[in-house]
Structures are given as C-alpha cells and as structure tokens.
Amino acid sequence: MYSELIEQLNELRKRINVLEETLHTEEGTGRIRELEEKMSQAGFWDLGDRAKEVISEVKKLKSEIEPVVSVARTTTDLLELAEIGNAEKDAASLDELEVEAGAVEKMLEELELRAILNEPHDHANVFLSIHAGAGGTESCDWTSMLARMYTRFAERQGFAVKMVDALDGEEAGVRNITFLVRGDYAYGYLKSEVGVHRLVRISPFDAKSRRQTSFAAVDVIPELPETDRKIDVSPADLRVDTFRAGGAGGQHVNKTDSAVRITHLPTGIVVQCQNERSQHSNRTTAMKLLQARLLREEEKKREAEVERLYGEKGEIAFGSQIRSYTLQPFTLVKDHRTNLEKGNANAVLDGEILPFSEAYLRWRRKKGK
C-alpha cells in the first residue's frame, strides 16, 4: 500500500531532520565552502601544517555531512515518487520504491549510529592492549583468542592493524599484546571493549577435560594526532632502554638492539615497541603510546574526582567485567552492560563484535555518558 510507504518515508524524513540538527549540517556545509575557498587561494599549499589541518577538517566535515545530505535528498525524491504513484494508482512501481525505502532506512541507521560517535577522540586511531589475567596458560591462550577476534573485526571494518609489542606465554598464547589499529572511528568503535573479558570452556590444556574460567583485560586508548593536545614530558623524566627484539623476526632483530622501552619515572608508566626494524621508528611509536597513556591517566584522575564529589561509581572503569564468553556447556556471549546476547560464540570470536559495539554506543547515549 502506498499509504504505508508514504508514512514510512515521512517518519524517515523526521529522523533525518533530527540528524541534521544534531550534526548542524547547514553550518557544516557553509564551513566546507569557506575552507574550500581557502584551499583555492594562492600560497595555500605553502602553509605546511596549517594546510594539513584545513584539509583534515574538510575531509572530516564531508564524511559527516555529505552522506546525510545525500540520504535527505534521496528520501525527498522517493516521497515525491510515492505520492505520484499513489495518485496514479501505479502498483507496478510500489515494490521497487519499497526496496529503495528499506535501503534508505538502513543507511539512516548507520548515520544515526555514526552521529553518536561525537566525542573528541572517537575518529582517532587506537592503541589496543590485551593482558592475561590469573590462570597461567589458560589466560594466555584466551588473550591470543581475543587478539585474533579484534584483528578479524578490524579486517571486517577495513581498519589496518600493526602489532606494537607482544610477550609470549610460557607454554602457549601471549601474556600481553598491543596493537595499533588505524581507521576512521577506530577508537569510537573499540572503546566499548575496555574491561575484563571472561571465558568459560573445556580446557584444551587439561588432560581431564575439566571446565575452566579464564580472564583477560582489554584497554584502548586513542592515538593522538600531532595537532592534538599533548602532555609536556621532560627528557629528565624518561628512562630509555634498548634491547634486542624477540620472536622470529629474522637476522636483523637477533643482532641489533632495535627494540625500545621507555619508562616515565614520575608515574611509573612503561611502554615499549619492538615491531619496527628501526630503533628510531620504535622510539617514535613508543612515545606516541606514552603520550596516549599519560592522557588516559589525567582523564582517570578527573573521573575519580567527579566520582568522589558526587558519589557515583563508574560502570565502565578498566578492570570491571564487561562481557562473558561461554563455550561449554552451551555457547553464549553476553555483554553485562547492555545485556545483549549472541548464541553463536564462534562467530563473535571470529570478529563479529560490531553488534556489541553498536549496542554499547546506544546504551552509553541513553545513560548520558
């Protein structure tokens, strides 16, 4: 029925209006024109870092606004066609218009979700670290399973993943591992993963095949672009150690001290990188990671002060149990914040965690966090 289609399209139009107001699309379109005029002026490309900032802002604004403008235009066109079809009793066009309306609704849902990702660092790349909890080999193996899950998720999202540092477990798996994940809104999508992840399964390392529970802690922190606020770090506050990179890295890593470990003496924060062949590159990456962790410490202090003043307990603090993965006696993955459950645990462990990320973002917006 055309009446139902027209009603659906009018509802979509209302949702688009809300989205346009949220994103300030009219002001954003004007800002794009203003910046593009600057880019067309003589000498713009001689501005160096300032030119890069302008280009980055234009790219960000276009990625946020142009899809919304396109969906709005398509919805208006479909509404006009639906009204014409209804007036002319054109039943032949109804099915095609319904399919197109469904596609528009799906795109709108994606744009509404993207609009939630509006915190300062949501668009940034991210350092993702996983640390094995108590449980020895079991937890180390669980850490490697999580590492694979996040790598597969990144591949599905079109993100690039680079291993920064890893420490192998004594018998299997990894004791801890850090990745740098690069991609649009990598931090926004992965910030849902901060906390303790719990695994219940029949142990592959137990000769009696008993059920075991393992824990691993995940932390994510945004990579700060060069133009973002940085914390001043005095060279006197740093101890820099170099060592030979471990693992099967070929002759180079076995013969040169290319790996770098940096200790920030006032806080005791230690970061290291051994993935690059160059000691200079490893030091650059380690410093980026140190800056990100120092900023995280500042944010934690502010959050702790707010909690002290208002008596509120943080629900997503690092170290809290956020999700359980059960493989025996049944399969189930449950997020303890959103209560979202997925019965196909193997699919989740193969990287299908986007539903958990989306549910977390909507839950966070509803909670006003």
Foldseek 3Di string as FASTA:
>chain_A
DLVVVLVLLVVVLVLLVVLCVLLVLVVLVVLLVVLVVLVPDPPLVVPPPVSVVSVVSNVVSCVLRVLSVVLNVVSVVLSVVSVVCVVVVPPVCVVVSVVVSVVSVVSSVVSVLVSLQPDDQQFFWKKKKKAWDPDAPVSQQVSQLLVLQAVLQLVVVVKDKDWFDWAPGPPHHTRMTIITIDDTRNCLLCQLQAAKEKEWAQDPPDPVRDIDITIMGMDMFGQDPPPDDWDDADPVQKDKDFAQDDDPPPPLSVPDRQKIWIARNVVRDIFIGDRDSHNVVRVVVRVSVVRRVVVVVVVVVVVVVVCVVPVDDDDRDHHHYFWYAYDPPATKIAGPQLRDMDRPSVVSSSHPCSVVSSSVSVSCVVVVD
